Amino acid sequence: MNIIEKALAKKAQLDSVIPGERIRFVPDILLLSGDSILSIIEEFYDLEYEKVLQPSSTFIVQNPLNNSVEVICFSKKYGVELLERESTVSIQVESLREMVITGVEGEIGAFGSIGAISVKVSPAAMAKCLGKGTIEFTIPETIYIELSGVLNGKQKVERLCDYLMDYFNDSLVGYGIILSGEALEQLDIEEKRKLTTFLYELGGAIGMISPSGPLGQVESVVKINTLQIPDKNSV
């Protein structure tokens, strides 16, 4: 098993898992964010749950579009903490490494920059998790991408994301994606957050940085030398 599979097996209280296996687990953190917050709350009420089973590990990320009376009332009624959008970084600490974080928006991918396992689910699945405390998830196949070389020029992470988009197109859809390699050491934490968030735009089921590599078997390995990536600002 690789680092993703080991973390999910541990959460599901299983000795091992394999791609395609359906598991049930309790996430370490549930993160409600983006435009789907109100639909999650509405679904939660429709299912007539009496309480949020894991309120201390559930967070709602506010922004001007979802800072509504319904969200505030839900937070107070069920003991779910509201976070300002800028405060999300405050829960991105070293202790989250290899923790399993569940959310409905691709922005949860930012946690993958510090080695967390960010699982994206549907709003309906999130609503059920709030009331039942568990998530059902299918173990994905995993691809390991090793990025070597030097990232020269400006807009390093933007150029890297563009290159990955052109290189993989839609072939990463549904995969667990593990990034590693010396090129990543040249990115600061904000750039790494942008990169791991982008993996979900490519269709990844889970995306993360693991400086030590996959730490186990993966289904595919791709090695990319970043010297191949053109500097669009150079003439």
C-alpha atoms as a PDB file:
ATOM      1  CA  MET A   1       0.000   0.000   0.000  1.00  0.00           C
ATOM      2  CA  ASN A   2       1.128   3.564  -0.664  1.00  0.00           C
ATOM      3  CA  ILE A   3       0.821   6.585   1.624  1.00  0.00           C
ATOM      4  CA  ILE A   4      -2.764   7.359   0.532  1.00  0.00           C
ATOM      5  CA  GLU A   5      -3.967   3.783   0.927  1.00  0.00           C
ATOM      6  CA  LYS A   6      -2.284   3.385   4.313  1.00  0.00           C
ATOM      7  CA  ALA A   7      -3.987   6.508   5.667  1.00  0.00           C
ATOM      8  CA  LEU A   8      -7.406   5.446   4.396  1.00  0.00           C
ATOM      9  CA  ALA A   9      -6.996   1.889   5.664  1.00  0.00           C
ATOM     10  CA  LYS A  10      -6.135   3.244   9.094  1.00  0.00           C
ATOM     11  CA  LYS A  11      -9.209   5.471   9.138  1.00  0.00           C
ATOM     12  CA  ALA A  12     -11.412   2.570   8.039  1.00  0.00           C
ATOM     13  CA  GLN A  13      -9.821   0.340  10.707  1.00  0.00           C
ATOM     14  CA  LEU A  14      -8.675  -2.149   8.091  1.00  0.00           C
ATOM     15  CA  ASP A  15      -5.351  -3.954   7.778  1.00  0.00           C
ATOM     16  CA  SER A  16      -5.137  -3.136   4.081  1.00  0.00           C
ATOM     17  CA  VAL A  17      -7.116  -1.733   1.162  1.00  0.00           C
ATOM     18  CA  ILE A  18      -6.868  -2.084  -2.626  1.00  0.00           C
ATOM     19  CA  PRO A  19      -8.007   0.120  -5.535  1.00  0.00           C
ATOM     20  CA  GLY A  20     -11.703  -0.294  -6.215  1.00  0.00           C
ATOM     21  CA  GLU A  21     -12.499  -1.300  -2.641  1.00  0.00           C
ATOM     22  CA  ARG A  22     -15.392   0.558  -1.005  1.00  0.00           C
ATOM     23  CA  ILE A  23     -14.677   1.681   2.550  1.00  0.00           C
ATOM     24  CA  ARG A  24     -16.439   3.589   5.286  1.00  0.00           C
ATOM     25  CA  PHE A  25     -14.539   5.884   7.661  1.00  0.00           C
ATOM     26  CA  VAL A  26     -14.780   8.836  10.043  1.00  0.00           C
ATOM     27  CA  PRO A  27     -12.848  11.833   8.641  1.00  0.00           C
ATOM     28  CA  ASP A  28     -10.460  13.733  10.890  1.00  0.00           C
ATOM     29  CA  ILE A  29     -11.829  17.043   9.591  1.00  0.00           C
ATOM     30  CA  LEU A  30     -14.956  17.999   7.630  1.00  0.00           C
ATOM     31  CA  LEU A  31     -14.691  21.279   5.739  1.00  0.00           C
ATOM     32  CA  LEU A  32     -17.764  22.994   4.305  1.00  0.00           C
ATOM     33  CA  SER A  33     -16.824  25.677   1.808  1.00  0.00           C
ATOM     34  CA  GLY A  34     -17.772  27.313  -1.463  1.00  0.00           C
ATOM     35  CA  ASP A  35     -21.162  27.687  -3.105  1.00  0.00           C
ATOM     36  CA  SER A  36     -22.475  24.303  -1.916  1.00  0.00           C
ATOM     37  CA  ILE A  37     -22.759  25.141   1.802  1.00  0.00           C
ATOM     38  CA  LEU A  38     -26.438  26.060   1.666  1.00  0.00           C
ATOM     39  CA  SER A  39     -27.316  22.924  -0.334  1.00  0.00           C
ATOM     40  CA  ILE A  40     -25.477  20.784   2.236  1.00  0.00           C
ATOM     41  CA  ILE A  41     -27.413  22.408   5.076  1.00  0.00           C
ATOM     42  CA  GLU A  42     -30.709  22.005   3.218  1.00  0.00           C
ATOM     43  CA  GLU A  43     -29.981  18.323   2.553  1.00  0.00           C
ATOM     44  CA  PHE A  44     -29.044  17.846   6.227  1.00  0.00           C
ATOM     45  CA  TYR A  45     -32.425  19.249   7.297  1.00  0.00           C
ATOM     46  CA  ASP A  46     -34.302  17.194   4.675  1.00  0.00           C
ATOM     47  CA  LEU A  47     -32.710  14.022   6.079  1.00  0.00           C
ATOM     48  CA  GLU A  48     -33.988  15.077   9.539  1.00  0.00           C
ATOM     49  CA  TYR A  49     -30.788  14.473  11.454  1.00  0.00           C
ATOM     50  CA  GLU A  50     -30.959  15.555  15.067  1.00  0.00           C
ATOM     51  CA  LYS A  51     -27.353  16.668  15.445  1.00  0.00           C
ATOM     52  CA  VAL A  52     -23.942  16.967  13.829  1.00  0.00           C
ATOM     53  CA  LEU A  53     -22.041  13.961  15.139  1.00  0.00           C
ATOM     54  CA  GLN A  54     -18.547  15.463  14.863  1.00  0.00           C
ATOM     55  CA  PRO A  55     -19.032  19.208  15.572  1.00  0.00           C
ATOM     56  CA  SER A  56     -15.567  19.765  17.061  1.00  0.00           C
ATOM     57  CA  SER A  57     -13.903  18.584  13.838  1.00  0.00           C
ATOM     58  CA  THR A  58     -16.340  20.274  11.447  1.00  0.00           C
ATOM     59  CA  PHE A  59     -15.655  23.749  10.029  1.00  0.00           C
ATOM     60  CA  ILE A  60     -17.550  26.132   7.770  1.00  0.00           C
ATOM     61  CA  VAL A  61     -15.424  28.509   5.713  1.00  0.00           C
ATOM     62  CA  GLN A  62     -17.259  31.796   5.267  1.00  0.00           C
ATOM     63  CA  ASN A  63     -17.123  34.144   2.324  1.00  0.00           C
ATOM     64  CA  PRO A  64     -19.429  36.989   1.255  1.00  0.00           C
ATOM     65  CA  LEU A  65     -21.528  34.612  -0.845  1.00  0.00           C
ATOM     66  CA  ASN A  66     -22.357  32.160   1.958  1.00  0.00           C
ATOM     67  CA  ASN A  67     -22.283  34.420   5.011  1.00  0.00           C
ATOM     68  CA  SER A  68     -26.064  34.074   5.347  1.00  0.00           C
ATOM     69  CA  VAL A  69     -28.480  33.837   8.247  1.00  0.00           C
ATOM     70  CA  GLU A  70     -28.995  30.132   7.485  1.00  0.00           C
ATOM     71  CA  VAL A  71     -25.274  29.386   7.762  1.00  0.00           C
ATOM     72  CA  ILE A  72     -24.877  31.365  10.989  1.00  0.00           C
ATOM     73  CA  CYS A  73     -27.937  29.731  12.566  1.00  0.00           C
ATOM     74  CA  PHE A  74     -26.712  26.260  11.577  1.00  0.00           C
ATOM     75  CA  SER A  75     -23.321  26.999  13.128  1.00  0.00           C
ATOM     76  CA  LYS A  76     -24.817  28.128  16.429  1.00  0.00           C
ATOM     77  CA  LYS A  77     -27.434  25.376  16.631  1.00  0.00           C
ATOM     78  CA  TYR A  78     -25.053  22.479  16.000  1.00  0.00           C
ATOM     79  CA  GLY A  79     -21.810  23.832  17.466  1.00  0.00           C
ATOM     80  CA  VAL A  80     -19.950  24.010  14.157  1.00  0.00           C
ATOM     81  CA  GLU A  81     -17.150  26.585  14.049  1.00  0.00           C
ATOM     82  CA  LEU A  82     -17.207  29.343  11.444  1.00  0.00           C
ATOM     83  CA  LEU A  83     -13.885  30.301   9.898  1.00  0.00           C
ATOM     84  CA  GLU A  84     -13.044  33.398   7.924  1.00  0.00           C
ATOM     85  CA  ARG A  85     -11.691  32.386   4.538  1.00  0.00           C
ATOM     86  CA  GLU A  86      -8.270  33.786   5.437  1.00  0.00           C
ATOM     87  CA  SER A  87      -8.246  31.747   8.653  1.00  0.00           C
ATOM     88  CA  THR A  88      -8.312  28.402   6.867  1.00  0.00           C
ATOM     89  CA  VAL A  89      -4.523  28.432   6.918  1.00  0.00           C
ATOM     90  CA  SER A  90      -4.666  28.368  10.723  1.00  0.00           C
ATOM     91  CA  ILE A  91      -5.712  24.710  10.678  1.00  0.00           C
ATOM     92  CA  GLN A  92      -3.004  23.810   8.165  1.00  0.00           C
ATOM     93  CA  VAL A  93      -0.394  22.728  10.645  1.00  0.00           C
ATOM     94  CA  GLU A  94       2.164  19.941  10.796  1.00  0.00           C
ATOM     95  CA  SER A  95      -0.174  17.825  12.939  1.00  0.00           C
ATOM     96  CA  LEU A  96      -2.489  17.394   9.936  1.00  0.00           C
ATOM     97  CA  ARG A  97       0.071  15.341   8.017  1.00  0.00           C
ATOM     98  CA  GLU A  98      -1.583  12.116   6.783  1.00  0.00           C
ATOM     99  CA  MET A  99      -4.883  13.126   8.398  1.00  0.00           C
ATOM    100  CA  VAL A 100      -7.987  12.556   6.252  1.00  0.00           C
ATOM    101  CA  ILE A 101      -9.877  15.754   5.442  1.00  0.00           C
ATOM    102  CA  THR A 102     -13.217  15.684   3.638  1.00  0.00           C
ATOM    103  CA  GLY A 103     -14.763  18.552   1.693  1.00  0.00           C
ATOM    104  CA  VAL A 104     -16.946  19.313  -1.303  1.00  0.00           C
ATOM    105  CA  GLU A 105     -14.805  21.895  -3.078  1.00  0.00           C
ATOM    106  CA  GLY A 106     -11.429  21.472  -4.758  1.00  0.00           C
ATOM    107  CA  GLU A 107      -9.914  24.033  -2.397  1.00  0.00           C
ATOM    108  CA  ILE A 108      -9.527  21.280   0.200  1.00  0.00           C
ATOM    109  CA  GLY A 109      -6.641  20.223  -2.015  1.00  0.00           C
ATOM    110  CA  ALA A 110      -4.567  22.933  -0.316  1.00  0.00           C
ATOM    111  CA  PHE A 111      -4.191  20.574   2.636  1.00  0.00           C
ATOM    112  CA  GLY A 112      -2.376  18.136   0.367  1.00  0.00           C
ATOM    113  CA  SER A 113       0.537  20.573   0.329  1.00  0.00           C
ATOM    114  CA  ILE A 114       1.371  19.507   3.888  1.00  0.00           C
ATOM    115  CA  GLY A 115       0.752  15.810   3.359  1.00  0.00           C
ATOM    116  CA  ALA A 116      -2.902  15.538   4.359  1.00  0.00           C
ATOM    117  CA  ILE A 117      -5.264  13.192   2.501  1.00  0.00           C
ATOM    118  CA  SER A 118      -7.994  15.450   1.097  1.00  0.00           C
ATOM    119  CA  VAL A 119     -11.087  13.530  -0.049  1.00  0.00           C
ATOM    120  CA  LYS A 120     -13.562  15.422  -2.219  1.00  0.00           C
ATOM    121  CA  VAL A 121     -17.179  14.232  -1.970  1.00  0.00           C
ATOM    122  CA  SER A 122     -20.593  15.387  -3.191  1.00  0.00           C
ATOM    123  CA  PRO A 123     -22.759  17.801  -1.156  1.00  0.00           C
ATOM    124  CA  ALA A 124     -25.226  14.953  -0.530  1.00  0.00           C
ATOM    125  CA  ALA A 125     -22.445  12.726   0.848  1.00  0.00           C
ATOM    126  CA  MET A 126     -21.236  15.561   3.052  1.00  0.00           C
ATOM    127  CA  ALA A 127     -24.734  16.125   4.452  1.00  0.00           C
ATOM    128  CA  LYS A 128     -24.973  12.433   5.325  1.00  0.00           C
ATOM    129  CA  CYS A 129     -21.542  12.539   6.929  1.00  0.00           C
ATOM    130  CA  LEU A 130     -22.635  15.429   9.146  1.00  0.00           C
ATOM    131  CA  GLY A 131     -25.539  13.351  10.449  1.00  0.00           C
ATOM    132  CA  LYS A 132     -24.018   9.855  10.404  1.00  0.00           C
ATOM    133  CA  GLY A 133     -20.393  10.724  11.127  1.00  0.00           C
ATOM    134  CA  THR A 134     -19.011   8.540   8.326  1.00  0.00           C
ATOM    135  CA  ILE A 135     -18.132   8.791   4.642  1.00  0.00           C
ATOM    136  CA  GLU A 136     -18.207   6.029   2.038  1.00  0.00           C
ATOM    137  CA  PHE A 137     -15.370   6.195  -0.474  1.00  0.00           C
ATOM    138  CA  THR A 138     -13.882   4.020  -3.193  1.00  0.00           C
ATOM    139  CA  ILE A 139     -10.103   3.580  -3.046  1.00  0.00           C
ATOM    140  CA  PRO A 140      -8.649   5.112  -6.221  1.00  0.00           C
ATOM    141  CA  GLU A 141      -5.767   3.873  -8.309  1.00  0.00           C
ATOM    142  CA  THR A 142      -2.681   5.990  -7.649  1.00  0.00           C
ATOM    143  CA  ILE A 143      -0.261   7.763  -9.948  1.00  0.00           C
ATOM    144  CA  TYR A 144       3.090   9.001  -8.693  1.00  0.00           C
ATOM    145  CA  ILE A 145       4.558  12.088 -10.390  1.00  0.00           C
ATOM    146  CA  GLU A 146       8.220  12.839  -9.726  1.00  0.00           C
ATOM    147  CA  LEU A 147       9.260  16.395 -10.590  1.00  0.00           C
ATOM    148  CA  SER A 148      13.004  16.836 -10.963  1.00  0.00           C
ATOM    149  CA  GLY A 149      15.143  19.696 -12.210  1.00  0.00           C
ATOM    150  CA  VAL A 150      15.096  23.435 -11.685  1.00  0.00           C
ATOM    151  CA  LEU A 151      12.076  25.711 -12.069  1.00  0.00           C
ATOM    152  CA  ASN A 152      13.618  28.741 -13.734  1.00  0.00           C
ATOM    153  CA  GLY A 153      11.888  32.006 -14.515  1.00  0.00           C
ATOM    154  CA  LYS A 154       8.765  33.632 -13.113  1.00  0.00           C
ATOM    155  CA  GLN A 155       5.297  32.263 -12.293  1.00  0.00           C
ATOM    156  CA  LYS A 156       6.764  28.882 -11.432  1.00  0.00           C
ATOM    157  CA  VAL A 157       3.640  27.204 -10.139  1.00  0.00           C
ATOM    158  CA  GLU A 158       1.427  28.683 -12.879  1.00  0.00           C
ATOM    159  CA  ARG A 159       3.731  27.336 -15.582  1.00  0.00           C
ATOM    160  CA  LEU A 160       3.916  23.985 -13.837  1.00  0.00           C
ATOM    161  CA  CYS A 161       0.118  23.734 -13.668  1.00  0.00           C
ATOM    162  CA  ASP A 162      -0.199  24.648 -17.356  1.00  0.00           C
ATOM    163  CA  TYR A 163       2.373  22.002 -18.238  1.00  0.00           C
ATOM    164  CA  LEU A 164       0.582  19.319 -16.193  1.00  0.00           C
ATOM    165  CA  MET A 165      -2.712  20.249 -17.848  1.00  0.00           C
ATOM    166  CA  ASP A 166      -1.189  19.866 -21.322  1.00  0.00           C
ATOM    167  CA  TYR A 167       0.728  16.702 -20.375  1.00  0.00           C
ATOM    168  CA  PHE A 168      -2.121  14.767 -18.748  1.00  0.00           C
ATOM    169  CA  ASN A 169      -5.250  16.363 -20.249  1.00  0.00           C
ATOM    170  CA  ASP A 170      -8.070  14.359 -18.603  1.00  0.00           C
ATOM    171  CA  SER A 171      -6.067  11.201 -17.866  1.00  0.00           C
ATOM    172  CA  LEU A 172      -5.855  11.936 -14.112  1.00  0.00           C
ATOM    173  CA  VAL A 173      -9.610  11.851 -13.533  1.00  0.00           C
ATOM    174  CA  GLY A 174     -10.444   9.660 -10.545  1.00  0.00           C
ATOM    175  CA  TYR A 175      -6.825   8.991  -9.560  1.00  0.00           C
ATOM    176  CA  GLY A 176      -5.013   9.487  -6.310  1.00  0.00           C
ATOM    177  CA  ILE A 177      -2.056  11.717  -7.207  1.00  0.00           C
ATOM    178  CA  ILE A 178       1.199  11.831  -5.250  1.00  0.00           C
ATOM    179  CA  LEU A 179       3.768  14.510  -6.079  1.00  0.00           C
ATOM    180  CA  SER A 180       7.414  14.456  -5.061  1.00  0.00           C
ATOM    181  CA  GLY A 181      10.827  15.509  -6.326  1.00  0.00           C
ATOM    182  CA  GLU A 182      13.480  18.175  -5.936  1.00  0.00           C
ATOM    183  CA  ALA A 183      11.574  20.709  -8.044  1.00  0.00           C
ATOM    184  CA  LEU A 184       8.944  21.040  -5.319  1.00  0.00           C
ATOM    185  CA  GLU A 185      11.582  22.206  -2.860  1.00  0.00           C
ATOM    186  CA  GLN A 186      11.802  25.421  -4.900  1.00  0.00           C
ATOM    187  CA  LEU A 187       8.165  26.326  -4.170  1.00  0.00           C
ATOM    188  CA  ASP A 188       6.977  28.159  -1.073  1.00  0.00           C
ATOM    189  CA  ILE A 189       3.967  26.924   0.907  1.00  0.00           C
ATOM    190  CA  GLU A 190       1.495  29.154  -0.935  1.00  0.00           C
ATOM    191  CA  GLU A 191       2.750  27.881  -4.291  1.00  0.00           C
ATOM    192  CA  LYS A 192       2.476  24.296  -3.068  1.00  0.00           C
ATOM    193  CA  ARG A 193      -1.101  24.954  -1.965  1.00  0.00           C
ATOM    194  CA  LYS A 194      -1.953  26.258  -5.434  1.00  0.00           C
ATOM    195  CA  LEU A 195      -0.360  23.194  -7.005  1.00  0.00           C
ATOM    196  CA  THR A 196      -2.155  20.573  -4.906  1.00  0.00           C
ATOM    197  CA  THR A 197      -5.467  22.436  -5.275  1.00  0.00           C
ATOM    198  CA  PHE A 198      -4.953  22.369  -9.042  1.00  0.00           C
ATOM    199  CA  LEU A 199      -4.744  18.564  -8.974  1.00  0.00           C
ATOM    200  CA  TYR A 200      -8.489  18.517  -8.278  1.00  0.00           C
ATOM    201  CA  GLU A 201      -9.090  20.712 -11.338  1.00  0.00           C
ATOM    202  CA  LEU A 202      -7.375  17.937 -13.289  1.00  0.00           C
ATOM    203  CA  GLY A 203      -9.999  15.529 -11.923  1.00  0.00           C
ATOM    204  CA  GLY A 204      -7.939  13.910  -9.198  1.00  0.00           C
ATOM    205  CA  ALA A 205      -9.804  12.139  -6.391  1.00  0.00           C
ATOM    206  CA  ILE A 206      -6.961  12.867  -3.939  1.00  0.00           C
ATOM    207  CA  GLY A 207      -3.882  15.002  -4.473  1.00  0.00           C
ATOM    208  CA  MET A 208      -0.910  15.454  -2.173  1.00  0.00           C
ATOM    209  CA  ILE A 209       2.793  16.187  -1.827  1.00  0.00           C
ATOM    210  CA  SER A 210       4.900  13.475  -0.217  1.00  0.00           C
ATOM    211  CA  PRO A 211       8.590  14.480   0.010  1.00  0.00           C
ATOM    212  CA  SER A 212       9.526  10.846   0.697  1.00  0.00           C
ATOM    213  CA  GLY A 213       7.691   9.546  -2.352  1.00  0.00           C
ATOM    214  CA  PRO A 214       4.697   7.187  -2.527  1.00  0.00           C
ATOM    215  CA  LEU A 215       5.976   4.923   0.268  1.00  0.00           C
ATOM    216  CA  GLY A 216       4.439   1.900  -1.383  1.00  0.00           C
ATOM    217  CA  GLN A 217       3.060   0.460  -4.600  1.00  0.00           C
ATOM    218  CA  VAL A 218       1.336   2.677  -7.158  1.00  0.00           C
ATOM    219  CA  GLU A 219      -0.357   1.864 -10.452  1.00  0.00           C
ATOM    220  CA  SER A 220       1.643   4.331 -12.533  1.00  0.00           C
ATOM    221  CA  VAL A 221       4.841   6.409 -12.322  1.00  0.00           C
ATOM    222  CA  VAL A 222       5.575   9.521 -14.399  1.00  0.00           C
ATOM    223  CA  LYS A 223       8.903  11.354 -14.237  1.00  0.00           C
ATOM    224  CA  ILE A 224       9.015  14.958 -15.437  1.00  0.00           C
ATOM    225  CA  ASN A 225      12.102  17.135 -15.693  1.00  0.00           C
ATOM    226  CA  THR A 226      10.934  20.692 -15.079  1.00  0.00           C
ATOM    227  CA  LEU A 227      13.649  22.023 -17.380  1.00  0.00           C
ATOM    228  CA  GLN A 228      11.243  21.002 -20.136  1.00  0.00           C
ATOM    229  CA  ILE A 229       8.751  23.633 -18.954  1.00  0.00           C
ATOM    230  CA  PRO A 230       9.108  26.846 -20.982  1.00  0.00           C
ATOM    231  CA  ASP A 231       9.301  30.252 -19.336  1.00  0.00           C
ATOM    232  CA  LYS A 232       6.468  32.107 -21.025  1.00  0.00           C
ATOM    233  CA  ASN A 233       7.896  35.454 -19.914  1.00  0.00           C
ATOM    234  CA  SER A 234      11.202  34.922 -21.660  1.00  0.00           C
ATOM    235  CA  VAL A 235      11.673  36.032 -25.225  1.00  0.00           C
END
